N, C-alpha and C. Protein backbone atom coordinates (compact mmCIF):
# COMPACT_ATOMS: atom_id res chain seq x y z
N MET A 1 111.18 51.97 107.74
CA MET A 1 111.26 53.42 107.83
C MET A 1 109.94 54.02 108.28
N SER A 2 108.84 53.41 107.85
CA SER A 2 107.52 53.92 108.25
C SER A 2 107.37 53.86 109.76
N GLY A 3 107.79 52.74 110.35
CA GLY A 3 107.70 52.58 111.79
C GLY A 3 108.50 53.63 112.53
N GLU A 4 109.70 53.90 112.05
CA GLU A 4 110.56 54.90 112.70
C GLU A 4 109.91 56.28 112.65
N LEU A 5 109.34 56.62 111.50
CA LEU A 5 108.67 57.92 111.38
C LEU A 5 107.49 58.01 112.34
N MET A 6 106.70 56.96 112.41
CA MET A 6 105.52 56.99 113.30
C MET A 6 105.92 57.04 114.76
N ARG A 7 107.00 56.34 115.12
CA ARG A 7 107.42 56.33 116.53
C ARG A 7 108.02 57.66 116.96
N THR A 8 108.59 58.42 116.02
CA THR A 8 109.27 59.66 116.40
C THR A 8 108.42 60.91 116.19
N ARG A 9 107.33 60.81 115.46
CA ARG A 9 106.46 61.96 115.23
C ARG A 9 105.75 62.31 116.53
N ARG A 10 105.69 63.58 116.82
CA ARG A 10 105.01 64.05 118.03
C ARG A 10 103.63 64.58 117.68
N GLY A 11 102.71 64.50 118.60
CA GLY A 11 101.39 65.09 118.41
C GLY A 11 100.33 64.06 118.09
N ASP A 12 99.21 64.53 117.56
CA ASP A 12 98.05 63.69 117.25
C ASP A 12 98.36 62.82 116.04
N HIS A 13 98.22 61.50 116.23
CA HIS A 13 98.52 60.55 115.15
C HIS A 13 97.28 60.08 114.41
N THR A 14 96.10 60.51 114.85
CA THR A 14 94.88 59.99 114.26
C THR A 14 94.75 60.35 112.78
N ARG A 15 95.40 61.42 112.36
CA ARG A 15 95.29 61.85 110.97
C ARG A 15 96.58 61.61 110.20
N LEU A 16 97.49 60.87 110.76
CA LEU A 16 98.76 60.60 110.09
C LEU A 16 98.51 59.64 108.93
N LEU A 17 98.60 60.15 107.74
CA LEU A 17 98.30 59.38 106.54
C LEU A 17 99.18 58.14 106.44
N LEU A 18 100.45 58.27 106.78
CA LEU A 18 101.37 57.13 106.70
C LEU A 18 100.87 55.98 107.57
N PHE A 19 100.38 56.30 108.77
CA PHE A 19 99.87 55.28 109.68
C PHE A 19 98.72 54.52 109.03
N LEU A 20 97.80 55.26 108.41
CA LEU A 20 96.65 54.63 107.77
C LEU A 20 97.06 53.84 106.52
N LEU A 21 98.06 54.31 105.80
CA LEU A 21 98.55 53.57 104.64
C LEU A 21 99.16 52.24 105.05
N VAL A 22 99.91 52.25 106.13
CA VAL A 22 100.49 50.99 106.63
C VAL A 22 99.36 50.07 107.10
N ALA A 23 98.37 50.62 107.80
CA ALA A 23 97.24 49.81 108.26
C ALA A 23 96.49 49.19 107.09
N ASP A 24 96.40 49.91 105.97
CA ASP A 24 95.74 49.36 104.77
C ASP A 24 96.44 48.11 104.25
N GLN A 25 97.73 47.96 104.53
CA GLN A 25 98.48 46.80 104.06
C GLN A 25 98.06 45.51 104.76
N LEU A 26 97.30 45.64 105.85
CA LEU A 26 96.79 44.45 106.53
C LEU A 26 95.79 43.69 105.66
N THR A 27 95.19 44.37 104.68
CA THR A 27 94.18 43.73 103.84
C THR A 27 94.75 43.10 102.58
N THR A 28 96.04 43.20 102.37
CA THR A 28 96.64 42.63 101.16
C THR A 28 96.58 41.11 101.19
N ALA A 29 96.56 40.53 100.02
CA ALA A 29 96.57 39.06 99.92
C ALA A 29 97.95 38.49 100.22
N ASP A 30 98.96 39.32 100.16
CA ASP A 30 100.34 38.88 100.44
C ASP A 30 100.55 38.84 101.95
N GLU A 31 100.55 37.65 102.52
CA GLU A 31 100.65 37.50 103.98
C GLU A 31 101.96 38.03 104.54
N GLU A 32 103.03 37.98 103.75
CA GLU A 32 104.31 38.52 104.23
C GLU A 32 104.22 40.03 104.40
N VAL A 33 103.58 40.71 103.45
CA VAL A 33 103.40 42.16 103.55
C VAL A 33 102.48 42.50 104.72
N ALA A 34 101.40 41.74 104.86
CA ALA A 34 100.48 41.96 105.98
C ALA A 34 101.20 41.75 107.31
N ALA A 35 102.04 40.73 107.37
CA ALA A 35 102.79 40.45 108.60
C ALA A 35 103.74 41.60 108.93
N GLU A 36 104.42 42.12 107.92
CA GLU A 36 105.34 43.24 108.15
C GLU A 36 104.57 44.49 108.59
N ALA A 37 103.42 44.75 107.96
CA ALA A 37 102.61 45.90 108.36
C ALA A 37 102.15 45.75 109.80
N ALA A 38 101.69 44.57 110.17
CA ALA A 38 101.25 44.33 111.55
C ALA A 38 102.40 44.52 112.53
N THR A 39 103.57 44.03 112.16
CA THR A 39 104.75 44.17 113.03
C THR A 39 105.12 45.63 113.22
N VAL A 40 105.09 46.41 112.14
CA VAL A 40 105.41 47.85 112.24
C VAL A 40 104.39 48.54 113.13
N LEU A 41 103.12 48.26 112.92
CA LEU A 41 102.08 48.91 113.71
C LEU A 41 102.14 48.51 115.18
N VAL A 42 102.46 47.26 115.46
CA VAL A 42 102.59 46.81 116.84
C VAL A 42 103.77 47.50 117.51
N SER A 43 104.84 47.73 116.76
CA SER A 43 105.99 48.42 117.36
C SER A 43 105.64 49.85 117.73
N CYS A 44 104.55 50.36 117.19
CA CYS A 44 104.07 51.70 117.50
C CYS A 44 102.84 51.63 118.38
N HIS A 45 102.77 50.59 119.23
CA HIS A 45 101.53 50.34 119.97
C HIS A 45 101.04 51.52 120.79
N ALA A 46 101.92 52.40 121.19
CA ALA A 46 101.48 53.56 121.98
C ALA A 46 100.59 54.49 121.16
N ILE A 47 100.70 54.42 119.84
CA ILE A 47 99.91 55.30 118.97
C ILE A 47 99.05 54.49 118.00
N ALA A 48 98.78 53.24 118.32
CA ALA A 48 98.10 52.33 117.38
C ALA A 48 96.59 52.49 117.32
N ALA A 49 96.01 53.31 118.15
CA ALA A 49 94.55 53.44 118.19
C ALA A 49 93.92 53.74 116.83
N PRO A 50 94.50 54.58 115.98
CA PRO A 50 93.87 54.83 114.68
C PRO A 50 93.75 53.57 113.81
N ALA A 51 94.56 52.56 114.07
CA ALA A 51 94.52 51.33 113.26
C ALA A 51 93.63 50.25 113.89
N ARG A 52 92.94 50.58 114.97
CA ARG A 52 92.12 49.58 115.69
C ARG A 52 91.18 48.83 114.76
N GLU A 53 90.43 49.55 113.95
CA GLU A 53 89.45 48.90 113.08
C GLU A 53 90.14 48.06 112.00
N ALA A 54 91.29 48.51 111.52
CA ALA A 54 92.04 47.72 110.54
C ALA A 54 92.53 46.42 111.17
N PHE A 55 93.02 46.49 112.40
CA PHE A 55 93.45 45.28 113.11
C PHE A 55 92.26 44.32 113.28
N ALA A 56 91.14 44.86 113.73
CA ALA A 56 89.96 44.03 113.98
C ALA A 56 89.46 43.38 112.69
N ALA A 57 89.45 44.14 111.61
CA ALA A 57 89.00 43.59 110.33
C ALA A 57 89.95 42.49 109.86
N HIS A 58 91.23 42.70 110.04
CA HIS A 58 92.24 41.71 109.65
C HIS A 58 92.08 40.43 110.45
N VAL A 59 91.95 40.56 111.76
CA VAL A 59 91.78 39.39 112.62
C VAL A 59 90.48 38.66 112.28
N GLY A 60 89.42 39.41 112.08
CA GLY A 60 88.13 38.81 111.73
C GLY A 60 88.18 38.06 110.40
N ALA A 61 88.83 38.65 109.42
CA ALA A 61 88.95 38.00 108.11
C ALA A 61 89.77 36.72 108.20
N GLN A 62 90.84 36.77 109.00
CA GLN A 62 91.67 35.57 109.15
C GLN A 62 90.92 34.47 109.89
N ARG A 63 90.16 34.83 110.90
CA ARG A 63 89.35 33.82 111.61
C ARG A 63 88.30 33.21 110.68
N ALA A 64 87.69 34.07 109.84
CA ALA A 64 86.67 33.57 108.91
C ALA A 64 87.30 32.62 107.88
N ALA A 65 88.49 32.96 107.42
CA ALA A 65 89.14 32.15 106.39
C ALA A 65 89.83 30.90 106.95
N HIS A 66 90.39 31.00 108.15
CA HIS A 66 91.24 29.92 108.68
C HIS A 66 90.73 29.31 109.97
N GLY A 67 89.62 29.82 110.49
CA GLY A 67 89.08 29.29 111.73
C GLY A 67 89.93 29.64 112.93
N PRO A 68 89.72 28.92 114.02
CA PRO A 68 90.44 29.24 115.25
C PRO A 68 91.94 28.94 115.18
N GLY A 69 92.38 28.27 114.11
CA GLY A 69 93.79 27.92 113.98
C GLY A 69 94.65 28.99 113.34
N ALA A 70 94.12 30.21 113.15
CA ALA A 70 94.92 31.26 112.52
C ALA A 70 96.16 31.57 113.36
N TRP A 71 96.04 31.52 114.69
CA TRP A 71 97.20 31.80 115.55
C TRP A 71 98.32 30.78 115.32
N THR A 72 97.97 29.55 115.00
CA THR A 72 98.94 28.47 114.87
C THR A 72 99.18 28.06 113.41
N ALA A 73 98.76 28.88 112.47
CA ALA A 73 98.87 28.53 111.05
C ALA A 73 100.30 28.15 110.68
N PRO A 74 100.46 27.13 109.84
CA PRO A 74 101.81 26.72 109.43
C PRO A 74 102.50 27.75 108.53
N GLU A 75 101.73 28.60 107.83
CA GLU A 75 102.32 29.63 106.99
C GLU A 75 102.82 30.77 107.88
N ALA A 76 104.12 31.05 107.83
CA ALA A 76 104.72 32.04 108.73
C ALA A 76 104.09 33.42 108.59
N GLY A 77 103.84 33.87 107.38
CA GLY A 77 103.27 35.20 107.18
C GLY A 77 101.88 35.33 107.77
N LEU A 78 101.04 34.34 107.53
CA LEU A 78 99.69 34.33 108.09
C LEU A 78 99.74 34.32 109.61
N ARG A 79 100.55 33.43 110.15
CA ARG A 79 100.66 33.29 111.61
C ARG A 79 101.15 34.60 112.23
N THR A 80 102.20 35.20 111.66
CA THR A 80 102.76 36.43 112.21
C THR A 80 101.77 37.59 112.11
N SER A 81 101.13 37.76 110.94
CA SER A 81 100.21 38.89 110.81
C SER A 81 99.02 38.74 111.75
N HIS A 82 98.54 37.52 111.93
CA HIS A 82 97.42 37.31 112.86
C HIS A 82 97.86 37.59 114.30
N GLN A 83 98.99 37.02 114.69
CA GLN A 83 99.46 37.20 116.06
C GLN A 83 99.72 38.67 116.37
N GLU A 84 100.36 39.38 115.45
CA GLU A 84 100.68 40.79 115.72
C GLU A 84 99.41 41.64 115.77
N ALA A 85 98.45 41.36 114.89
CA ALA A 85 97.20 42.12 114.92
C ALA A 85 96.42 41.84 116.22
N VAL A 86 96.41 40.59 116.65
CA VAL A 86 95.74 40.24 117.91
C VAL A 86 96.44 40.93 119.08
N ARG A 87 97.76 40.92 119.08
CA ARG A 87 98.51 41.58 120.16
C ARG A 87 98.23 43.08 120.20
N ALA A 88 98.13 43.69 119.02
CA ALA A 88 97.83 45.13 118.97
C ALA A 88 96.44 45.39 119.54
N LEU A 89 95.46 44.58 119.15
CA LEU A 89 94.11 44.75 119.70
C LEU A 89 94.10 44.57 121.21
N ALA A 90 94.81 43.57 121.69
CA ALA A 90 94.87 43.34 123.14
C ALA A 90 95.49 44.53 123.85
N ARG A 91 96.57 45.07 123.31
CA ARG A 91 97.21 46.24 123.95
C ARG A 91 96.28 47.44 123.99
N LEU A 92 95.35 47.48 123.04
CA LEU A 92 94.37 48.56 123.04
C LEU A 92 93.19 48.26 123.95
N GLY A 93 93.21 47.08 124.61
CA GLY A 93 92.13 46.69 125.50
C GLY A 93 90.88 46.27 124.74
N ASP A 94 91.05 45.85 123.51
CA ASP A 94 89.93 45.53 122.63
C ASP A 94 89.57 44.04 122.73
N ALA A 95 88.33 43.77 123.09
CA ALA A 95 87.87 42.39 123.30
C ALA A 95 87.92 41.55 122.02
N ARG A 96 88.08 42.16 120.87
CA ARG A 96 88.16 41.40 119.64
C ARG A 96 89.47 40.61 119.54
N ALA A 97 90.36 40.81 120.48
CA ALA A 97 91.58 39.99 120.54
C ALA A 97 91.24 38.57 120.99
N LEU A 98 90.09 38.44 121.63
CA LEU A 98 89.60 37.12 122.05
C LEU A 98 88.79 36.55 120.90
N PRO A 99 88.79 35.31 120.59
CA PRO A 99 89.30 34.16 121.33
C PRO A 99 90.72 33.73 120.94
N SER A 100 91.46 34.57 120.24
CA SER A 100 92.80 34.15 119.81
C SER A 100 93.76 33.92 120.97
N LEU A 101 93.66 34.71 122.04
CA LEU A 101 94.60 34.51 123.16
C LEU A 101 94.38 33.17 123.86
N PRO A 102 93.14 32.81 124.22
CA PRO A 102 92.96 31.47 124.80
C PRO A 102 93.39 30.36 123.84
N ALA A 103 93.14 30.55 122.54
CA ALA A 103 93.56 29.54 121.56
C ALA A 103 95.08 29.41 121.56
N ALA A 104 95.78 30.53 121.70
CA ALA A 104 97.24 30.50 121.75
C ALA A 104 97.73 29.76 122.99
N LEU A 105 97.10 30.04 124.12
CA LEU A 105 97.52 29.41 125.37
C LEU A 105 97.17 27.92 125.39
N ASP A 106 96.07 27.56 124.76
CA ASP A 106 95.69 26.14 124.66
C ASP A 106 96.64 25.37 123.75
N SER A 107 97.05 25.99 122.65
CA SER A 107 97.87 25.30 121.66
C SER A 107 99.34 25.26 122.04
N ASP A 108 99.78 26.24 122.82
CA ASP A 108 101.17 26.37 123.23
C ASP A 108 102.07 26.83 122.08
N VAL A 109 101.49 27.23 120.95
CA VAL A 109 102.26 27.77 119.84
C VAL A 109 102.43 29.27 120.06
N ASP A 110 103.65 29.71 120.19
CA ASP A 110 103.94 31.13 120.43
C ASP A 110 103.12 31.70 121.58
N ALA A 111 102.91 30.88 122.59
CA ALA A 111 102.10 31.32 123.74
C ALA A 111 102.74 32.52 124.44
N TRP A 112 104.04 32.63 124.38
CA TRP A 112 104.72 33.76 125.03
C TRP A 112 104.21 35.09 124.47
N ARG A 113 103.83 35.12 123.20
CA ARG A 113 103.29 36.35 122.61
C ARG A 113 101.95 36.71 123.25
N ALA A 114 101.14 35.71 123.51
CA ALA A 114 99.84 35.94 124.15
C ALA A 114 100.03 36.38 125.61
N ILE A 115 101.00 35.78 126.29
CA ILE A 115 101.27 36.13 127.69
C ILE A 115 101.66 37.59 127.81
N GLN A 116 102.45 38.08 126.85
CA GLN A 116 102.90 39.47 126.90
C GLN A 116 101.76 40.48 126.92
N VAL A 117 100.63 40.14 126.32
CA VAL A 117 99.54 41.11 126.21
C VAL A 117 98.31 40.73 127.03
N ALA A 118 98.32 39.58 127.66
CA ALA A 118 97.15 39.12 128.40
C ALA A 118 96.71 40.12 129.47
N GLY A 119 97.63 40.76 130.11
CA GLY A 119 97.31 41.71 131.17
C GLY A 119 96.56 42.94 130.70
N HIS A 120 96.51 43.16 129.41
CA HIS A 120 95.78 44.31 128.88
C HIS A 120 94.28 44.02 128.74
N LEU A 121 93.88 42.79 129.04
CA LEU A 121 92.47 42.39 128.93
C LEU A 121 91.96 41.85 130.27
N PRO A 122 91.96 42.67 131.31
CA PRO A 122 91.59 42.17 132.64
C PRO A 122 90.17 41.64 132.74
N LEU A 123 89.26 42.12 131.92
CA LEU A 123 87.90 41.59 131.98
C LEU A 123 87.81 40.20 131.36
N ALA A 124 88.88 39.74 130.75
CA ALA A 124 88.93 38.38 130.20
C ALA A 124 89.67 37.44 131.14
N ALA A 125 89.90 37.89 132.37
CA ALA A 125 90.66 37.09 133.33
C ALA A 125 90.06 35.70 133.52
N ASP A 126 88.75 35.61 133.52
CA ASP A 126 88.11 34.30 133.70
C ASP A 126 88.55 33.31 132.63
N GLN A 127 88.81 33.79 131.44
CA GLN A 127 89.23 32.93 130.34
C GLN A 127 90.73 32.68 130.33
N LEU A 128 91.51 33.59 130.89
CA LEU A 128 92.96 33.53 130.73
C LEU A 128 93.73 33.02 131.95
N VAL A 129 93.27 33.31 133.15
CA VAL A 129 94.04 32.99 134.35
C VAL A 129 94.36 31.51 134.48
N SER A 130 93.38 30.64 134.29
CA SER A 130 93.66 29.21 134.45
C SER A 130 94.64 28.71 133.40
N LEU A 131 94.56 29.26 132.19
CA LEU A 131 95.50 28.86 131.13
C LEU A 131 96.92 29.33 131.45
N ILE A 132 97.04 30.53 131.98
CA ILE A 132 98.36 31.05 132.35
C ILE A 132 98.93 30.25 133.52
N ARG A 133 98.08 29.91 134.48
CA ARG A 133 98.53 29.08 135.60
C ARG A 133 99.06 27.73 135.10
N ASP A 134 98.38 27.14 134.11
CA ASP A 134 98.84 25.87 133.54
C ASP A 134 100.24 26.01 132.96
N HIS A 135 100.49 27.11 132.26
CA HIS A 135 101.83 27.34 131.71
C HIS A 135 102.86 27.48 132.83
N LEU A 136 102.48 28.18 133.87
CA LEU A 136 103.40 28.37 135.00
C LEU A 136 103.74 27.03 135.65
N ARG A 137 102.75 26.17 135.80
CA ARG A 137 102.99 24.85 136.39
C ARG A 137 103.96 24.01 135.55
N ARG A 138 103.92 24.19 134.24
CA ARG A 138 104.73 23.36 133.35
C ARG A 138 106.16 23.87 133.14
N ILE A 139 106.48 25.05 133.61
CA ILE A 139 107.84 25.57 133.42
C ILE A 139 108.82 24.73 134.20
N ASP A 140 109.87 24.32 133.51
CA ASP A 140 110.95 23.58 134.15
C ASP A 140 112.00 24.59 134.60
N LEU A 141 111.98 24.92 135.87
CA LEU A 141 112.87 25.95 136.39
C LEU A 141 114.33 25.51 136.43
N CYS A 142 114.58 24.22 136.18
CA CYS A 142 115.96 23.72 136.13
C CYS A 142 116.63 24.04 134.80
N GLN A 143 115.82 24.38 133.79
CA GLN A 143 116.37 24.70 132.47
C GLN A 143 116.94 26.10 132.47
N GLN A 144 118.04 26.28 131.78
CA GLN A 144 118.66 27.60 131.71
C GLN A 144 117.81 28.55 130.86
N TRP A 145 117.17 28.03 129.82
CA TRP A 145 116.39 28.85 128.92
C TRP A 145 115.04 28.19 128.70
N THR A 146 114.02 28.96 128.78
CA THR A 146 112.70 28.47 128.43
C THR A 146 112.08 29.48 127.47
N GLU A 147 111.10 29.02 126.69
CA GLU A 147 110.46 29.91 125.72
C GLU A 147 109.77 31.07 126.44
N MET A 148 109.29 30.82 127.61
CA MET A 148 108.55 31.82 128.35
C MET A 148 109.08 31.84 129.78
N SER A 149 109.35 33.01 130.29
CA SER A 149 109.88 33.07 131.64
C SER A 149 108.77 33.04 132.68
N ALA A 150 109.13 32.57 133.83
CA ALA A 150 108.19 32.57 134.96
C ALA A 150 107.80 34.01 135.29
N ASN A 151 108.74 34.94 135.11
CA ASN A 151 108.44 36.35 135.40
C ASN A 151 107.31 36.88 134.53
N ALA A 152 107.32 36.53 133.25
CA ALA A 152 106.27 36.99 132.35
C ALA A 152 104.92 36.43 132.77
N LEU A 153 104.91 35.16 133.13
CA LEU A 153 103.67 34.52 133.57
C LEU A 153 103.17 35.14 134.87
N LEU A 154 104.07 35.32 135.80
CA LEU A 154 103.68 35.92 137.09
C LEU A 154 103.20 37.35 136.92
N SER A 155 103.83 38.09 136.02
CA SER A 155 103.39 39.46 135.75
C SER A 155 101.98 39.48 135.20
N ALA A 156 101.69 38.59 134.25
CA ALA A 156 100.35 38.52 133.68
C ALA A 156 99.34 38.16 134.76
N LEU A 157 99.67 37.19 135.60
CA LEU A 157 98.76 36.80 136.68
C LEU A 157 98.55 37.93 137.68
N THR A 158 99.58 38.69 137.95
CA THR A 158 99.47 39.80 138.88
C THR A 158 98.48 40.84 138.36
N VAL A 159 98.59 41.15 137.07
CA VAL A 159 97.70 42.15 136.48
C VAL A 159 96.27 41.62 136.40
N LEU A 160 96.12 40.35 136.03
CA LEU A 160 94.79 39.78 135.87
C LEU A 160 94.12 39.46 137.20
N GLY A 161 94.90 39.31 138.24
CA GLY A 161 94.36 38.95 139.54
C GLY A 161 94.31 37.44 139.66
N ASP A 162 93.92 36.98 140.82
CA ASP A 162 93.93 35.54 141.06
C ASP A 162 92.62 34.87 140.68
N GLY A 163 91.66 35.65 140.16
CA GLY A 163 90.39 35.06 139.74
C GLY A 163 89.42 34.82 140.88
N CYS A 164 89.77 35.18 142.08
CA CYS A 164 88.91 34.96 143.24
C CYS A 164 88.04 36.20 143.42
N HIS A 165 86.94 36.28 142.66
CA HIS A 165 86.11 37.47 142.66
C HIS A 165 85.41 37.71 143.99
N GLY A 166 85.09 36.67 144.70
CA GLY A 166 84.39 36.82 145.96
C GLY A 166 85.27 37.33 147.09
N CYS A 167 86.59 37.20 146.96
CA CYS A 167 87.47 37.60 148.05
C CYS A 167 88.19 38.91 147.77
N GLY A 168 87.78 39.61 146.70
CA GLY A 168 88.40 40.89 146.40
C GLY A 168 89.72 40.76 145.68
N GLY A 169 90.13 39.56 145.31
CA GLY A 169 91.41 39.39 144.64
C GLY A 169 91.26 39.22 143.14
N GLY A 170 90.13 39.58 142.59
CA GLY A 170 89.88 39.40 141.17
C GLY A 170 90.62 40.40 140.33
N PRO A 171 90.37 40.36 139.03
CA PRO A 171 91.09 41.24 138.13
C PRO A 171 90.69 42.70 138.33
N ALA A 172 91.60 43.54 137.95
CA ALA A 172 91.30 44.97 137.97
C ALA A 172 90.15 45.22 137.02
N ARG A 173 89.31 46.14 137.35
CA ARG A 173 88.15 46.44 136.50
C ARG A 173 88.45 47.65 135.65
N ARG A 174 88.68 47.42 134.38
CA ARG A 174 88.78 48.54 133.47
C ARG A 174 88.06 48.14 132.21
N ARG A 175 87.60 49.09 131.51
CA ARG A 175 86.75 48.85 130.35
C ARG A 175 87.55 48.23 129.21
N ILE A 176 86.96 47.20 128.59
CA ILE A 176 87.52 46.64 127.37
C ILE A 176 86.74 47.26 126.23
N ALA A 177 87.43 47.82 125.28
CA ALA A 177 86.78 48.47 124.14
C ALA A 177 86.03 47.42 123.31
N PRO A 178 84.98 47.83 122.64
CA PRO A 178 84.17 46.89 121.84
C PRO A 178 84.95 46.27 120.70
């Protein structure tokens, strides 16, 4: 219900108390609650800027506690809350989403989630393009269903550019927030 209210409210969301209360749930010790809070906030990504610092703190705490394997954690709640918080940061163009995205692409665990937001971090193209290309090479186009579509990979590559900085085909230049 919180997500529905936040998605339908019009106007400035920076002072919406409900938004901040949901963001506070990212700090709970209950990973299932944190995962649900992250999922709700990500569904409101168009207005997620007020939760930026909560997302960053959550991701930082998980990296400190679980190392680079937070994206691939065997505990579903931990894995989901980390992935959703990283995706929210990436959608905000926040560099603190790194290094989780390359770790996701390297591990191949829920890599499709990382692909969906990779294009929001064009200044990280040097780190992401080769990993996305590797996924594209491995897609078996003869299969009816794959975890990740070629379209999603191609879309991410289109936004990030081909990585050829000397030929003008590099990533779009837009600022990544600190």
